[in-house]
């Protein structure tokens, strides 16, 4: 079913989304084999899940860390998303496809005519095999963890070290600590100022007292262009495993210490009640990458990631969906508790 409109000027996001919600809008639609389209909205995109494929439409937004405000910028980001995700999800990302309008003013996906937007197309992965779902079902096997940990270790081992000075590396953390806590301390959010300032002081003191730990990560060339968003919900335990949804829109945010990235994954798994996953991941990483980062450094990384997740959670109170506010408040408190725990055990 094609949506009819008069000109490209009035094709707003709502019109595009309404069109993409309809199964008949998809090239693989067969009237004799009906399917539904599941829709997920994030701050940055609309994701449409058909029977076998996923299509991602970037929102026309601009934030401090990204700019999707023009068709050209969205096209570039789509291309980058496909390119970068081939590193850990080879063959899953199928390409960038156009949403077009034909001479009669009808929208078409992967059709002819003037392009009004671009979408990333990828294979749909089985949700029950995503690591967060496997953790929730308590079905995680150590062998599966080792398999995807080997994939990550190989990725890091072959990644080219990036150029950064020790001072600039430490300064990134100084700036992040300030940025995260300044947001969390906003009176409107009602969070504990004592807890947040205690975490802030502890992390700042560690960064100052243990500068040599951070400097050593730079001097041993451990900082690489990494995945950037290594969460359990982005790891699929099919055979072979794949890791999707890297952070594509800002290269600077992907320049990471692998130990930092893996600490984020370990923290998320610990929060979900599966601490052994992080243990197996780091054991595999140490063996294959010949790198044994200090436990205190890993706890610093975990604390700062938990602080960021608390910030992202509480910022949902700025949304208009009041019905979900309590959920995000609870989540922010949970992450703050984790951040405090890791900060309090930096010397443990």
Foldseek 3Di string as FASTA:
>chain_A
DWDADDDLVPCAPVNVVVLLQDLVQDPPDDVVDDWGWDWDDDPFWIWTDTDWKIKIFGHLDDDPFFGNVDQVRQQVLLQLQLVVQCLFANQFWDGKWFFAADPRRITHTNDDHHGSHIITMGTDDDQCQQQLNCLVVVNDDLVLLLLVLVSQLVSQQPFFFDDDALVRQLVVVVVLLVVLLVLVPPVVLVDDNVLSVVLSVLLVVCCVVVSVLSRVCVVVRQWGQAQQDDESRQWGSDVNIGGHDGDRRHSVSRGGRVLLVLLCHLLNCVLSPRNVSSVSSVVSNCVSVVDDRDPLVSLSSNLSSLSVLLSVLSCCVVPPPVVCNVVSSVSSVSSSVSSSVSSVVSVD
